[in-house]
Amino acid sequence: RVRGIEGLRICDMSAVPNINAGNTNA
């Protein structure tokens, strides 16, 4: 959930705190 705003989420790779080791599609 986006902090400070109700009813808004983000679910793509923007959301990750750090990148995974490898390709990111899965």
PDB file of all heavy atoms in Angstrom:
ATOM      1  N   ARG A   1       0.832  -1.189   0.000  1.00  0.00           N
ATOM      2  CA  ARG A   1       0.000   0.000   0.000  1.00  0.00           C
ATOM      3  C   ARG A   1       0.873   1.248   0.000  1.00  0.00           C
ATOM      4  O   ARG A   1       1.871   1.313   0.728  1.00  0.00           O
ATOM      5  CB  ARG A   1      -0.923   0.009   1.220  1.00  0.00           C
ATOM      6  CG  ARG A   1      -1.890  -1.159   1.261  1.00  0.00           C
ATOM      7  CD  ARG A   1      -2.710  -1.192   2.531  1.00  0.00           C
ATOM      8  NE  ARG A   1      -1.890  -1.397   3.722  1.00  0.00           N
ATOM      9  CZ  ARG A   1      -2.369  -1.888   4.873  1.00  0.00           C
ATOM     10  NH1 ARG A   1      -3.651  -2.226   4.958  1.00  0.00           N
ATOM     11  NH2 ARG A   1      -1.571  -2.035   5.914  1.00  0.00           N
ATOM     12  N   VAL A   2       0.491   2.229  -0.786  1.00  0.00           N
ATOM     13  CA  VAL A   2       1.215   3.498  -0.829  1.00  0.00           C
ATOM     14  C   VAL A   2       0.966   4.243   0.472  1.00  0.00           C
ATOM     15  O   VAL A   2      -0.189   4.495   0.852  1.00  0.00           O
ATOM     16  CB  VAL A   2       0.770   4.345  -2.033  1.00  0.00           C
ATOM     17  CG1 VAL A   2       1.448   5.713  -2.008  1.00  0.00           C
ATOM     18  CG2 VAL A   2       1.099   3.622  -3.340  1.00  0.00           C
ATOM     19  N   ARG A   3       2.044   4.593   1.144  1.00  0.00           N
ATOM     20  CA  ARG A   3       1.923   5.281   2.426  1.00  0.00           C
ATOM     21  C   ARG A   3       1.345   6.683   2.223  1.00  0.00           C
ATOM     22  O   ARG A   3       1.754   7.415   1.331  1.00  0.00           O
ATOM     23  CB  ARG A   3       3.284   5.375   3.106  1.00  0.00           C
ATOM     24  CG  ARG A   3       3.869   4.021   3.493  1.00  0.00           C
ATOM     25  CD  ARG A   3       5.221   4.175   4.166  1.00  0.00           C
ATOM     26  NE  ARG A   3       5.827   2.886   4.468  1.00  0.00           N
ATOM     27  CZ  ARG A   3       5.583   2.154   5.549  1.00  0.00           C
ATOM     28  NH1 ARG A   3       4.716   2.589   6.449  1.00  0.00           N
ATOM     29  NH2 ARG A   3       6.199   0.998   5.744  1.00  0.00           N
ATOM     30  N   GLY A   4       0.386   7.030   3.041  1.00  0.00           N
ATOM     31  CA  GLY A   4      -0.211   8.358   2.997  1.00  0.00           C
ATOM     32  C   GLY A   4      -1.409   8.477   2.090  1.00  0.00           C
ATOM     33  O   GLY A   4      -2.066   9.523   2.069  1.00  0.00           O
ATOM     34  N   ILE A   5      -1.710   7.433   1.318  1.00  0.00           N
ATOM     35  CA  ILE A   5      -2.849   7.447   0.404  1.00  0.00           C
ATOM     36  C   ILE A   5      -3.635   6.154   0.598  1.00  0.00           C
ATOM     37  O   ILE A   5      -3.065   5.058   0.569  1.00  0.00           O
ATOM     38  CB  ILE A   5      -2.403   7.553  -1.069  1.00  0.00           C
ATOM     39  CG1 ILE A   5      -1.590   8.819  -1.298  1.00  0.00           C
ATOM     40  CG2 ILE A   5      -3.617   7.501  -1.997  1.00  0.00           C
ATOM     41  CD1 ILE A   5      -2.375  10.108  -1.162  1.00  0.00           C
ATOM     42  N   GLU A   6      -4.925   6.253   0.769  1.00  0.00           N
ATOM     43  CA  GLU A   6      -5.776   5.068   0.885  1.00  0.00           C
ATOM     44  C   GLU A   6      -6.127   4.537  -0.507  1.00  0.00           C
ATOM     45  O   GLU A   6      -6.217   5.293  -1.474  1.00  0.00           O
ATOM     46  CB  GLU A   6      -7.060   5.408   1.644  1.00  0.00           C
ATOM     47  CG  GLU A   6      -6.855   5.836   3.083  1.00  0.00           C
ATOM     48  CD  GLU A   6      -6.346   4.690   3.952  1.00  0.00           C
ATOM     49  OE1 GLU A   6      -6.805   3.543   3.737  1.00  0.00           O
ATOM     50  OE2 GLU A   6      -5.487   4.945   4.816  1.00  0.00           O
ATOM     51  N   GLY A   7      -6.335   3.222  -0.594  1.00  0.00           N
ATOM     52  CA  GLY A   7      -6.863   2.624  -1.820  1.00  0.00           C
ATOM     53  C   GLY A   7      -5.901   2.576  -2.992  1.00  0.00           C
ATOM     54  O   GLY A   7      -6.345   2.451  -4.136  1.00  0.00           O
ATOM     55  N   LEU A   8      -4.600   2.651  -2.722  1.00  0.00           N
ATOM     56  CA  LEU A   8      -3.608   2.648  -3.806  1.00  0.00           C
ATOM     57  C   LEU A   8      -2.479   1.688  -3.459  1.00  0.00           C
ATOM     58  O   LEU A   8      -1.845   1.801  -2.401  1.00  0.00           O
ATOM     59  CB  LEU A   8      -3.048   4.058  -4.011  1.00  0.00           C
ATOM     60  CG  LEU A   8      -2.033   4.253  -5.139  1.00  0.00           C
ATOM     61  CD1 LEU A   8      -2.628   3.886  -6.495  1.00  0.00           C
ATOM     62  CD2 LEU A   8      -1.528   5.693  -5.153  1.00  0.00           C
ATOM     63  N   ARG A   9      -2.242   0.721  -4.354  1.00  0.00           N
ATOM     64  CA  ARG A   9      -1.152  -0.239  -4.175  1.00  0.00           C
ATOM     65  C   ARG A   9      -0.270  -0.259  -5.413  1.00  0.00           C
ATOM     66  O   ARG A   9      -0.665   0.167  -6.498  1.00  0.00           O
ATOM     67  CB  ARG A   9      -1.669  -1.654  -3.917  1.00  0.00           C
ATOM     68  CG  ARG A   9      -2.487  -1.786  -2.652  1.00  0.00           C
ATOM     69  CD  ARG A   9      -2.738  -3.224  -2.280  1.00  0.00           C
ATOM     70  NE  ARG A   9      -3.933  -3.351  -1.476  1.00  0.00           N
ATOM     71  CZ  ARG A   9      -4.014  -3.979  -0.314  1.00  0.00           C
ATOM     72  NH1 ARG A   9      -2.939  -4.563   0.185  1.00  0.00           N
ATOM     73  NH2 ARG A   9      -5.149  -4.048   0.345  1.00  0.00           N
ATOM     74  N   ILE A  10       0.923  -0.832  -5.233  1.00  0.00           N
ATOM     75  CA  ILE A  10       1.867  -1.038  -6.335  1.00  0.00           C
ATOM     76  C   ILE A  10       2.315  -2.480  -6.282  1.00  0.00           C
ATOM     77  O   ILE A  10       2.705  -2.984  -5.212  1.00  0.00           O
ATOM     78  CB  ILE A  10       3.075  -0.095  -6.216  1.00  0.00           C
ATOM     79  CG1 ILE A  10       2.619   1.358  -6.367  1.00  0.00           C
ATOM     80  CG2 ILE A  10       4.141  -0.436  -7.258  1.00  0.00           C
ATOM     81  CD1 ILE A  10       3.710   2.373  -6.099  1.00  0.00           C
ATOM     82  N   CYS A  11       2.286  -3.168  -7.442  1.00  0.00           N
ATOM     83  CA  CYS A  11       2.625  -4.593  -7.411  1.00  0.00           C
ATOM     84  C   CYS A  11       3.646  -4.990  -8.469  1.00  0.00           C
ATOM     85  O   CYS A  11       3.832  -6.181  -8.730  1.00  0.00           O
ATOM     86  CB  CYS A  11       1.374  -5.453  -7.547  1.00  0.00           C
ATOM     87  SG  CYS A  11       0.636  -5.458  -9.191  1.00  0.00           S
ATOM     88  N   ASP A  12       4.327  -4.022  -9.096  1.00  0.00           N
ATOM     89  CA  ASP A  12       5.362  -4.388 -10.061  1.00  0.00           C
ATOM     90  C   ASP A  12       6.728  -4.362  -9.379  1.00  0.00           C
ATOM     91  O   ASP A  12       6.829  -4.247  -8.159  1.00  0.00           O
ATOM     92  CB  ASP A  12       5.308  -3.468 -11.287  1.00  0.00           C
ATOM     93  CG  ASP A  12       5.471  -1.993 -10.925  1.00  0.00           C
ATOM     94  OD1 ASP A  12       6.159  -1.682  -9.944  1.00  0.00           O
ATOM     95  OD2 ASP A  12       4.898  -1.145 -11.636  1.00  0.00           O
ATOM     96  N   MET A  13       7.804  -4.451 -10.176  1.00  0.00           N
ATOM     97  CA  MET A  13       9.144  -4.509  -9.596  1.00  0.00           C
ATOM     98  C   MET A  13       9.577  -3.197  -8.951  1.00  0.00           C
ATOM     99  O   MET A  13      10.611  -3.150  -8.284  1.00  0.00           O
ATOM    100  CB  MET A  13      10.159  -4.946 -10.652  1.00  0.00           C
ATOM    101  CG  MET A  13      10.078  -6.421 -11.014  1.00  0.00           C
ATOM    102  SD  MET A  13      10.409  -7.549  -9.624  1.00  0.00           S
ATOM    103  CE  MET A  13      12.147  -7.239  -9.318  1.00  0.00           C
ATOM    104  N   SER A  14       8.788  -2.144  -9.096  1.00  0.00           N
ATOM    105  CA  SER A  14       9.037  -0.926  -8.319  1.00  0.00           C
ATOM    106  C   SER A  14       9.020  -1.212  -6.825  1.00  0.00           C
ATOM    107  O   SER A  14       9.703  -0.552  -6.042  1.00  0.00           O
ATOM    108  CB  SER A  14       7.960   0.132  -8.603  1.00  0.00           C
ATOM    109  OG  SER A  14       7.844   0.436  -9.951  1.00  0.00           O
ATOM    110  N   ALA A  15       8.208  -2.199  -6.437  1.00  0.00           N
ATOM    111  CA  ALA A  15       7.900  -2.402  -5.025  1.00  0.00           C
ATOM    112  C   ALA A  15       9.014  -3.075  -4.230  1.00  0.00           C
ATOM    113  O   ALA A  15       9.004  -3.035  -3.002  1.00  0.00           O
ATOM    114  CB  ALA A  15       6.622  -3.239  -4.901  1.00  0.00           C
ATOM    115  N   VAL A  16       9.981  -3.689  -4.892  1.00  0.00           N
ATOM    116  CA  VAL A  16      10.927  -4.531  -4.159  1.00  0.00           C
ATOM    117  C   VAL A  16      11.953  -3.676  -3.424  1.00  0.00           C
ATOM    118  O   VAL A  16      12.440  -2.677  -3.959  1.00  0.00           O
ATOM    119  CB  VAL A  16      11.631  -5.538  -5.099  1.00  0.00           C
ATOM    120  CG1 VAL A  16      10.596  -6.373  -5.836  1.00  0.00           C
ATOM    121  CG2 VAL A  16      12.549  -4.849  -6.105  1.00  0.00           C
ATOM    122  N   PRO A  17      12.313  -4.053  -2.188  1.00  0.00           N
ATOM    123  CA  PRO A  17      13.341  -3.297  -1.457  1.00  0.00           C
ATOM    124  C   PRO A  17      14.748  -3.555  -1.956  1.00  0.00           C
ATOM    125  O   PRO A  17      15.634  -2.723  -1.788  1.00  0.00           O
ATOM    126  CB  PRO A  17      13.163  -3.778  -0.014  1.00  0.00           C
ATOM    127  CG  PRO A  17      12.485  -5.098  -0.115  1.00  0.00           C
ATOM    128  CD  PRO A  17      11.653  -5.060  -1.355  1.00  0.00           C
ATOM    129  N   ASN A  18      14.958  -4.708  -2.578  1.00  0.00           N
ATOM    130  CA  ASN A  18      16.233  -5.021  -3.219  1.00  0.00           C
ATOM    131  C   ASN A  18      15.951  -5.993  -4.349  1.00  0.00           C
ATOM    132  O   ASN A  18      14.951  -6.712  -4.330  1.00  0.00           O
ATOM    133  CB  ASN A  18      17.233  -5.626  -2.224  1.00  0.00           C
ATOM    134  CG  ASN A  18      18.662  -5.556  -2.721  1.00  0.00           C
ATOM    135  OD1 ASN A  18      18.935  -5.088  -3.824  1.00  0.00           O
ATOM    136  ND2 ASN A  18      19.595  -6.026  -1.908  1.00  0.00           N
ATOM    137  N   ILE A  19      16.840  -6.026  -5.323  1.00  0.00           N
ATOM    138  CA  ILE A  19      16.609  -6.859  -6.492  1.00  0.00           C
ATOM    139  C   ILE A  19      16.997  -8.302  -6.199  1.00  0.00           C
ATOM    140  O   ILE A  19      17.896  -8.576  -5.405  1.00  0.00           O
ATOM    141  CB  ILE A  19      17.390  -6.301  -7.706  1.00  0.00           C
ATOM    142  CG1 ILE A  19      16.816  -6.818  -9.031  1.00  0.00           C
ATOM    143  CG2 ILE A  19      18.881  -6.589  -7.595  1.00  0.00           C
ATOM    144  CD1 ILE A  19      17.301  -6.035 -10.242  1.00  0.00           C
ATOM    145  N   ASN A  20      16.282  -9.221  -6.804  1.00  0.00           N
ATOM    146  CA  ASN A  20      16.600 -10.641  -6.651  1.00  0.00           C
ATOM    147  C   ASN A  20      17.810 -11.007  -7.504  1.00  0.00           C
ATOM    148  O   ASN A  20      18.162 -10.303  -8.451  1.00  0.00           O
ATOM    149  CB  ASN A  20      15.409 -11.508  -7.054  1.00  0.00           C
ATOM    150  CG  ASN A  20      14.973 -11.251  -8.488  1.00  0.00           C
ATOM    151  OD1 ASN A  20      14.417 -10.191  -8.765  1.00  0.00           O
ATOM    152  ND2 ASN A  20      15.217 -12.195  -9.385  1.00  0.00           N
ATOM    153  N   ALA A  21      18.434 -12.116  -7.159  1.00  0.00           N
ATOM    154  CA  ALA A  21      19.617 -12.592  -7.889  1.00  0.00           C
ATOM    155  C   ALA A  21      19.163 -13.389  -9.098  1.00  0.00           C
ATOM    156  O   ALA A  21      18.956 -14.597  -9.024  1.00  0.00           O
ATOM    157  CB  ALA A  21      20.497 -13.444  -6.979  1.00  0.00           C
ATOM    158  N   GLY A  22      18.998 -12.718 -10.230  1.00  0.00           N
ATOM    159  CA  GLY A  22      18.559 -13.397 -11.447  1.00  0.00           C
ATOM    160  C   GLY A  22      17.477 -12.609 -12.153  1.00  0.00           C
ATOM    161  O   GLY A  22      17.119 -11.489 -11.762  1.00  0.00           O
ATOM    162  N   ASN A  23      16.919 -13.214 -13.197  1.00  0.00           N
ATOM    163  CA  ASN A  23      15.899 -12.560 -14.006  1.00  0.00           C
ATOM    164  C   ASN A  23      14.680 -12.207 -13.166  1.00  0.00           C
ATOM    165  O   ASN A  23      14.381 -12.865 -12.165  1.00  0.00           O
ATOM    166  CB  ASN A  23      15.493 -13.471 -15.161  1.00  0.00           C
ATOM    167  CG  ASN A  23      16.686 -13.876 -16.005  1.00  0.00           C
ATOM    168  OD1 ASN A  23      17.590 -14.566 -15.532  1.00  0.00           O
ATOM    169  ND2 ASN A  23      16.703 -13.463 -17.249  1.00  0.00           N
ATOM    170  N   THR A  24      13.954 -11.165 -13.592  1.00  0.00           N
ATOM    171  CA  THR A  24      12.926 -10.587 -12.726  1.00  0.00           C
ATOM    172  C   THR A  24      11.488 -10.832 -13.178  1.00  0.00           C
ATOM    173  O   THR A  24      10.557 -10.393 -12.511  1.00  0.00           O
ATOM    174  CB  THR A  24      13.143  -9.067 -12.619  1.00  0.00           C
ATOM    175  OG1 THR A  24      13.166  -8.486 -13.931  1.00  0.00           O
ATOM    176  CG2 THR A  24      14.449  -8.758 -11.900  1.00  0.00           C
ATOM    177  N   ASN A  25      11.267 -11.538 -14.292  1.00  0.00           N
ATOM    178  CA  ASN A  25       9.897 -11.702 -14.761  1.00  0.00           C
ATOM    179  C   ASN A  25       9.058 -12.559 -13.810  1.00  0.00           C
ATOM    180  O   ASN A  25       7.930 -12.189 -13.467  1.00  0.00           O
ATOM    181  CB  ASN A  25       9.876 -12.314 -16.157  1.00  0.00           C
ATOM    182  CG  ASN A  25       8.483 -12.301 -16.751  1.00  0.00           C
ATOM    183  OD1 ASN A  25       7.950 -11.259 -17.094  1.00  0.00           O
ATOM    184  ND2 ASN A  25       7.861 -13.468 -16.844  1.00  0.00           N
ATOM    185  N   ALA A  26       9.587 -13.694 -13.388  1.00  0.00           N
ATOM    186  CA  ALA A  26       8.834 -14.546 -12.464  1.00  0.00           C
ATOM    187  C   ALA A  26       8.579 -13.835 -11.131  1.00  0.00           C
ATOM    188  O   ALA A  26       7.460 -13.907 -10.604  1.00  0.00           O
ATOM    189  CB  ALA A  26       9.556 -15.876 -12.249  1.00  0.00           C
TER     190      ALA A  26
END
